[in-house]
Amino acid sequence: MQHFRSLENINVADSWLSIGTFDGVHCGHQEIIHQLTQGAHENQKPAIVVTFFPHPAMVLGKKEGRFYLSTPEERAEDLGNLGVDIVITHPFDEKVALYTAEEFISRLKEKLNFSELIVGYDFALGKNREGNVTRLQGLSVKYRYHLKIIPAFNVDGEIVSSSLIRKLLAEGNIEKANQLLGKPFKLKGKVVSGDGRGRSLGIPTANLEVLAERVVPLGGVYICEAKIHNRIIDAIVNVGIRPTFEEKPVAPRVEAHLLDFADDVYGEYLTLEFLHRIREERKFPSKDALVAQIELDIQLARQYLNKYSQSK
């Protein structure tokens, strides 16, 4: 998979194309990508996805704070794993927001020469989102492409969407979020120095530096699989503000205790895949009470992960 950050240095003779934000690359997105890659490869053409960063909703002031389900790099990796040949993460700013749908389609046609355009049922692009599927259908004759519209993807009677998954994560409903994602929700970040509190308790933690705009689940203790250097390590992870030690409000932290693992990973990149929420984060009356609870959390995690590994 090739990953480009603009259209400037790319020219493709013929292709199949999909356009969208694809934040999280959830089950609905995966259906679109399956149709794209299957058709493109059967016709011996490259499957191309054009996506955007920053997210248009962030640039246009409709969203702020922790919003992204995936970074551009994670999104491109997920799309590549689904068979996409070229991912173009197009920069989005106020200038791009003023492009009409036809201006953008014309530019894509010039650079990618796509003959098939596959989009979701609710897709729209261009100024004021005027380039909906009706408008794209109208442009298809002039720009010589066939438009295929993928209907809404439902799980248990609910339409899968990135906004619904964000809501589930904000509620701590990891299992449901993972079901809609079609894979475990993950956070990736550099391991940075903390205050050594976990080590002083005999339970050292790897503290993740997470993008400030990245979604994190509701505060609490989670069972995760950690991945580093192609190794999979069982972990329990605390997301939150550590109320036992912090008297003043602090930004949420993501701290992972890696089970049966003692290597120095400072400065390395660690990926956490969230599987199950054990409990809420709460204040304990003493350090000893906290340690006792963490030991119980570890026991629960081992039992859960043993069953999880057997079910794979």
Protein backbone atom coordinates (compact mmCIF):
# COMPACT_ATOMS: atom_id res chain seq x y z
CA MET A 1 0.00 0.00 0.00
CA GLN A 2 1.23 3.46 -0.90
CA HIS A 3 0.26 6.43 1.28
CA PHE A 4 0.32 9.94 -0.20
CA ARG A 5 -0.39 13.22 1.62
CA SER A 6 -1.70 15.14 -1.40
CA LEU A 7 -2.63 14.75 -5.04
CA GLU A 8 0.35 16.76 -6.24
CA ASN A 9 2.80 13.97 -7.05
CA ILE A 10 0.44 11.30 -8.27
CA ASN A 11 -0.90 10.39 -11.69
CA VAL A 12 -2.76 7.13 -12.28
CA ALA A 13 -3.75 5.86 -15.72
CA ASP A 14 -6.95 4.15 -14.57
CA SER A 15 -8.43 3.30 -11.19
CA TRP A 16 -11.41 2.55 -8.98
CA LEU A 17 -12.02 5.12 -6.26
CA SER A 18 -13.75 5.67 -2.96
CA ILE A 19 -13.86 8.94 -1.02
CA GLY A 20 -14.68 9.50 2.64
CA THR A 21 -13.33 10.29 6.08
CA PHE A 22 -13.27 6.60 7.10
CA ASP A 23 -12.53 7.49 10.73
CA GLY A 24 -11.99 4.21 12.58
CA VAL A 25 -12.49 2.12 9.40
CA HIS A 26 -15.54 0.45 11.00
CA CYS A 27 -17.79 -2.33 9.65
CA GLY A 28 -19.71 0.04 7.38
CA HIS A 29 -16.48 1.39 5.93
CA GLN A 30 -15.18 -2.15 5.51
CA GLU A 31 -18.19 -3.04 3.35
CA ILE A 32 -17.44 -0.09 1.06
CA ILE A 33 -13.78 -1.06 0.86
CA HIS A 34 -14.62 -4.70 0.16
CA GLN A 35 -16.75 -3.66 -2.83
CA LEU A 36 -13.97 -1.33 -4.00
CA THR A 37 -11.05 -3.74 -3.75
CA GLN A 38 -12.92 -6.77 -5.06
CA GLY A 39 -14.17 -4.95 -8.15
CA ALA A 40 -10.93 -3.10 -8.83
CA HIS A 41 -8.74 -6.17 -8.59
CA GLU A 42 -11.10 -8.29 -10.68
CA ASN A 43 -10.70 -5.62 -13.36
CA GLN A 44 -6.94 -5.40 -12.78
CA LYS A 45 -7.08 -1.79 -11.65
CA PRO A 46 -5.71 -0.16 -8.49
CA ALA A 47 -8.12 0.45 -5.63
CA ILE A 48 -7.68 4.02 -4.36
CA VAL A 49 -9.13 5.73 -1.30
CA VAL A 50 -9.11 9.51 -0.86
CA THR A 51 -9.63 10.60 2.71
CA PHE A 52 -9.05 13.83 4.63
CA PHE A 53 -7.08 15.22 7.54
CA PRO A 54 -7.91 17.21 9.55
CA HIS A 55 -11.49 15.95 9.66
CA PRO A 56 -13.78 18.47 7.92
CA ALA A 57 -15.94 18.72 11.05
CA MET A 58 -12.90 19.83 13.07
CA VAL A 59 -11.90 22.49 10.52
CA LEU A 60 -15.42 23.84 10.14
CA GLY A 61 -15.83 24.20 13.90
CA LYS A 62 -18.56 21.60 14.32
CA LYS A 63 -16.43 19.37 16.55
CA GLU A 64 -13.60 19.88 19.01
CA GLY A 65 -11.69 18.05 21.72
CA ARG A 66 -11.12 14.29 21.60
CA PHE A 67 -12.74 13.34 18.32
CA TYR A 68 -10.59 11.01 16.19
CA LEU A 69 -11.05 7.25 16.34
CA SER A 70 -7.84 6.76 14.36
CA THR A 71 -4.84 8.75 13.22
CA PRO A 72 -4.12 9.17 9.49
CA GLU A 73 -1.35 6.56 9.76
CA GLU A 74 -3.58 4.04 11.53
CA ARG A 75 -6.37 4.63 9.04
CA ALA A 76 -4.05 4.14 6.07
CA GLU A 77 -2.68 0.94 7.64
CA ASP A 78 -6.19 -0.42 8.20
CA LEU A 79 -7.20 0.42 4.63
CA GLY A 80 -4.05 -1.21 3.29
CA ASN A 81 -4.78 -4.35 5.30
CA LEU A 82 -8.18 -4.47 3.56
CA GLY A 83 -6.54 -4.51 0.15
CA VAL A 84 -6.46 -0.82 -0.81
CA ASP A 85 -3.50 -0.10 -3.09
CA ILE A 86 -3.21 3.67 -2.69
CA VAL A 87 -4.41 5.87 0.18
CA ILE A 88 -4.38 9.62 -0.31
CA THR A 89 -4.80 11.61 2.88
CA HIS A 90 -5.82 14.93 1.37
CA PRO A 91 -5.19 17.99 3.55
CA PHE A 92 -8.42 19.73 4.49
CA ASP A 93 -8.51 23.43 5.29
CA GLU A 94 -10.82 26.41 4.78
CA LYS A 95 -9.66 26.75 1.17
CA VAL A 96 -10.50 23.13 0.36
CA ALA A 97 -13.84 23.59 2.13
CA LEU A 98 -14.79 26.13 -0.55
CA TYR A 99 -14.29 23.73 -3.46
CA THR A 100 -17.49 22.80 -5.24
CA ALA A 101 -18.22 19.13 -5.74
CA GLU A 102 -17.49 19.48 -9.47
CA GLU A 103 -14.15 21.20 -8.85
CA PHE A 104 -13.05 18.38 -6.59
CA ILE A 105 -14.32 15.61 -8.88
CA SER A 106 -12.60 17.28 -11.84
CA ARG A 107 -9.29 17.35 -9.93
CA LEU A 108 -9.64 13.70 -8.92
CA LYS A 109 -10.47 12.68 -12.48
CA GLU A 110 -7.40 14.51 -13.77
CA LYS A 111 -5.05 12.84 -11.27
CA LEU A 112 -6.61 9.40 -10.81
CA ASN A 113 -8.66 8.84 -13.99
CA PHE A 114 -11.18 6.76 -12.07
CA SER A 115 -13.87 4.85 -13.93
CA GLU A 116 -15.76 3.63 -10.85
CA LEU A 117 -16.68 5.72 -7.79
CA ILE A 118 -17.99 3.86 -4.72
CA VAL A 119 -19.37 5.83 -1.77
CA GLY A 120 -21.64 5.36 1.21
CA TYR A 121 -25.33 6.24 1.09
CA ASP A 122 -24.87 9.43 3.15
CA PHE A 123 -21.68 10.66 1.49
CA ALA A 124 -21.33 14.28 0.40
CA LEU A 125 -18.43 16.52 -0.52
CA GLY A 126 -17.86 20.09 -1.66
CA LYS A 127 -18.94 23.42 -0.31
CA ASN A 128 -21.94 23.07 2.02
CA ARG A 129 -21.89 19.32 1.27
CA GLU A 130 -23.68 20.00 -2.01
CA GLY A 131 -22.01 17.02 -3.66
CA ASN A 132 -24.39 14.37 -2.35
CA VAL A 133 -25.06 11.12 -4.19
CA THR A 134 -27.66 12.80 -6.42
CA ARG A 135 -25.17 15.46 -7.48
CA LEU A 136 -22.42 12.87 -7.98
CA GLN A 137 -24.75 10.86 -10.18
CA GLY A 138 -25.39 13.97 -12.24
CA LEU A 139 -21.66 14.56 -12.69
CA SER A 140 -20.97 10.96 -13.72
CA VAL A 141 -21.84 11.45 -17.40
CA LYS A 142 -19.60 14.49 -17.86
CA TYR A 143 -16.65 12.93 -16.03
CA ARG A 144 -17.18 9.41 -17.37
CA TYR A 145 -17.48 7.26 -14.29
CA HIS A 146 -19.98 4.82 -12.87
CA LEU A 147 -21.32 5.63 -9.40
CA LYS A 148 -22.05 2.82 -6.95
CA ILE A 149 -23.80 3.66 -3.69
CA ILE A 150 -23.41 1.35 -0.70
CA PRO A 151 -26.45 1.27 1.61
CA ALA A 152 -26.32 1.74 5.37
CA PHE A 153 -24.66 -1.09 7.29
CA ASN A 154 -26.71 -2.26 10.27
CA VAL A 155 -25.72 -4.22 13.38
CA ASP A 156 -28.54 -5.26 15.71
CA GLY A 157 -30.85 -2.78 14.03
CA GLU A 158 -28.51 0.21 14.41
CA ILE A 159 -26.75 1.99 11.56
CA VAL A 160 -23.01 1.74 12.12
CA SER A 161 -21.33 5.14 12.20
CA SER A 162 -18.21 6.74 13.62
CA SER A 163 -20.35 9.04 15.77
CA LEU A 164 -22.16 6.07 17.35
CA ILE A 165 -18.84 4.40 18.11
CA ARG A 166 -17.55 7.60 19.75
CA LYS A 167 -20.69 7.63 21.91
CA LEU A 168 -20.18 3.99 22.95
CA LEU A 169 -16.56 4.64 23.88
CA ALA A 170 -17.61 7.67 25.93
CA GLU A 171 -19.93 5.32 27.82
CA GLY A 172 -17.20 2.72 28.31
CA ASN A 173 -19.10 0.17 26.22
CA ILE A 174 -16.01 -1.42 24.68
CA GLU A 175 -17.62 -4.67 23.56
CA LYS A 176 -20.33 -2.92 21.56
CA ALA A 177 -17.86 -0.41 20.11
CA ASN A 178 -15.59 -3.28 19.05
CA GLN A 179 -18.53 -5.07 17.46
CA LEU A 180 -19.27 -2.02 15.29
CA LEU A 181 -15.59 -1.46 14.54
CA GLY A 182 -15.20 -5.08 13.49
CA LYS A 183 -11.97 -5.18 15.52
CA PRO A 184 -10.74 -4.05 18.94
CA PHE A 185 -10.56 -0.32 19.55
CA LYS A 186 -6.90 0.62 19.74
CA LEU A 187 -4.71 3.41 21.01
CA LYS A 188 -1.12 3.83 19.89
CA GLY A 189 1.38 6.16 21.47
CA LYS A 190 4.94 6.68 22.58
CA VAL A 191 5.82 5.41 26.05
CA VAL A 192 6.89 8.44 28.08
CA SER A 193 8.17 8.91 31.59
CA GLY A 194 5.56 9.22 34.32
CA ASP A 195 6.00 10.04 37.98
CA GLY A 196 7.04 6.50 38.93
CA ARG A 197 3.98 6.00 41.09
CA GLY A 198 3.18 2.56 39.71
CA ARG A 199 6.74 1.32 40.14
CA SER A 200 6.76 2.52 43.76
CA LEU A 201 3.64 0.38 44.34
CA GLY A 202 5.31 -2.64 42.75
CA ILE A 203 3.06 -2.35 39.69
CA PRO A 204 5.06 -0.46 37.03
CA THR A 205 3.15 1.12 34.18
CA ALA A 206 3.90 2.29 30.66
CA ASN A 207 2.46 5.77 30.19
CA LEU A 208 1.21 6.46 26.68
CA GLU A 209 1.51 9.83 25.00
CA VAL A 210 -1.76 10.01 23.06
CA LEU A 211 -2.73 12.63 20.47
CA ALA A 212 -4.76 15.33 22.23
CA GLU A 213 -7.60 15.03 19.68
CA ARG A 214 -7.70 11.22 19.92
CA VAL A 215 -10.76 9.56 21.46
CA VAL A 216 -10.05 7.68 24.70
CA PRO A 217 -12.65 5.47 26.40
CA LEU A 218 -14.54 6.46 29.53
CA GLY A 219 -12.26 6.53 32.56
CA GLY A 220 -11.79 3.16 34.18
CA VAL A 221 -9.75 -0.03 34.21
CA TYR A 222 -9.63 -2.11 31.04
CA ILE A 223 -8.33 -5.46 29.90
CA CYS A 224 -6.14 -5.02 26.82
CA GLU A 225 -3.68 -6.72 24.57
CA ALA A 226 -0.54 -4.65 24.13
CA LYS A 227 1.59 -4.89 21.00
CA ILE A 228 5.22 -3.88 20.71
CA HIS A 229 8.00 -5.20 18.45
CA ASN A 230 5.58 -7.75 17.00
CA ARG A 231 4.99 -9.15 20.48
CA ILE A 232 1.55 -9.46 22.07
CA ILE A 233 1.51 -8.84 25.82
CA ASP A 234 -1.46 -9.12 28.20
CA ALA A 235 -2.18 -5.86 30.01
CA ILE A 236 -4.50 -4.01 32.32
CA VAL A 237 -4.89 -0.34 31.52
CA ASN A 238 -6.08 2.58 33.61
CA VAL A 239 -7.66 5.46 31.72
CA GLY A 240 -8.36 8.53 33.82
CA ILE A 241 -7.20 11.03 36.38
CA ARG A 242 -5.92 8.77 39.24
CA PRO A 243 -8.20 10.19 41.97
CA THR A 244 -6.36 8.34 44.76
CA PHE A 245 -3.30 10.56 44.17
CA GLU A 246 -4.47 13.68 42.33
CA GLU A 247 -6.15 16.45 44.32
CA LYS A 248 -6.56 18.83 41.39
CA PRO A 249 -8.11 18.09 37.97
CA VAL A 250 -5.60 16.67 35.49
CA ALA A 251 -5.79 15.57 31.87
CA PRO A 252 -6.76 11.90 31.38
CA ARG A 253 -3.82 9.51 31.36
CA VAL A 254 -3.46 6.13 29.73
CA GLU A 255 -1.29 3.85 31.88
CA ALA A 256 -0.67 0.22 30.98
CA HIS A 257 0.61 -2.47 33.34
CA LEU A 258 2.12 -5.15 31.11
CA LEU A 259 1.70 -8.59 32.66
CA ASP A 260 4.80 -10.79 32.95
CA PHE A 261 6.90 -8.22 31.09
CA ALA A 262 9.83 -6.23 32.48
CA ASP A 263 11.65 -4.81 29.42
CA ASP A 264 12.45 -1.10 29.23
CA VAL A 265 10.09 0.37 26.62
CA TYR A 266 10.58 4.10 27.22
CA GLY A 267 10.59 5.94 23.91
CA GLU A 268 9.04 3.00 22.08
CA TYR A 269 5.62 2.98 20.44
CA LEU A 270 3.03 0.77 22.12
CA THR A 271 -0.39 -0.21 20.75
CA LEU A 272 -3.20 -1.10 23.13
CA GLU A 273 -6.22 -3.07 21.92
CA PHE A 274 -9.14 -2.63 24.34
CA LEU A 275 -11.19 -5.76 25.00
CA HIS A 276 -13.22 -5.33 28.21
CA ARG A 277 -13.90 -2.76 30.93
CA ILE A 278 -13.42 -4.17 34.43
CA ARG A 279 -14.59 -1.26 36.55
CA GLU A 280 -14.83 2.49 36.93
CA GLU A 281 -11.93 4.56 38.21
CA ARG A 282 -12.38 5.45 41.88
CA LYS A 283 -10.56 6.91 44.86
CA PHE A 284 -9.18 4.43 47.40
CA PRO A 285 -8.63 5.19 51.10
CA SER A 286 -4.99 4.05 51.00
CA LYS A 287 -2.22 2.79 48.75
CA ASP A 288 -2.62 -0.70 50.20
CA ALA A 289 -6.32 -0.73 49.27
CA LEU A 290 -5.45 0.36 45.74
CA VAL A 291 -2.77 -2.32 45.36
CA ALA A 292 -5.18 -4.99 46.64
CA GLN A 293 -7.77 -3.94 44.05
CA ILE A 294 -5.21 -3.90 41.24
CA GLU A 295 -4.17 -7.44 42.17
CA LEU A 296 -7.82 -8.48 41.86
CA ASP A 297 -8.00 -6.66 38.51
CA ILE A 298 -4.95 -8.62 37.31
CA GLN A 299 -6.57 -11.92 38.31
CA LEU A 300 -9.73 -11.03 36.38
CA ALA A 301 -7.64 -9.97 33.40
CA ARG A 302 -5.73 -13.25 33.31
CA GLN A 303 -8.98 -15.25 33.42
CA TYR A 304 -10.58 -13.13 30.68
CA LEU A 305 -7.52 -13.18 28.41
CA ASN A 306 -7.13 -16.94 28.80
CA LYS A 307 -10.68 -17.43 27.51
CA TYR A 308 -10.17 -14.76 24.84
CA SER A 309 -7.05 -16.42 23.45
CA GLN A 310 -8.84 -19.78 23.32
CA SER A 311 -11.74 -18.25 21.39
CA LYS A 312 -9.56 -16.79 18.62
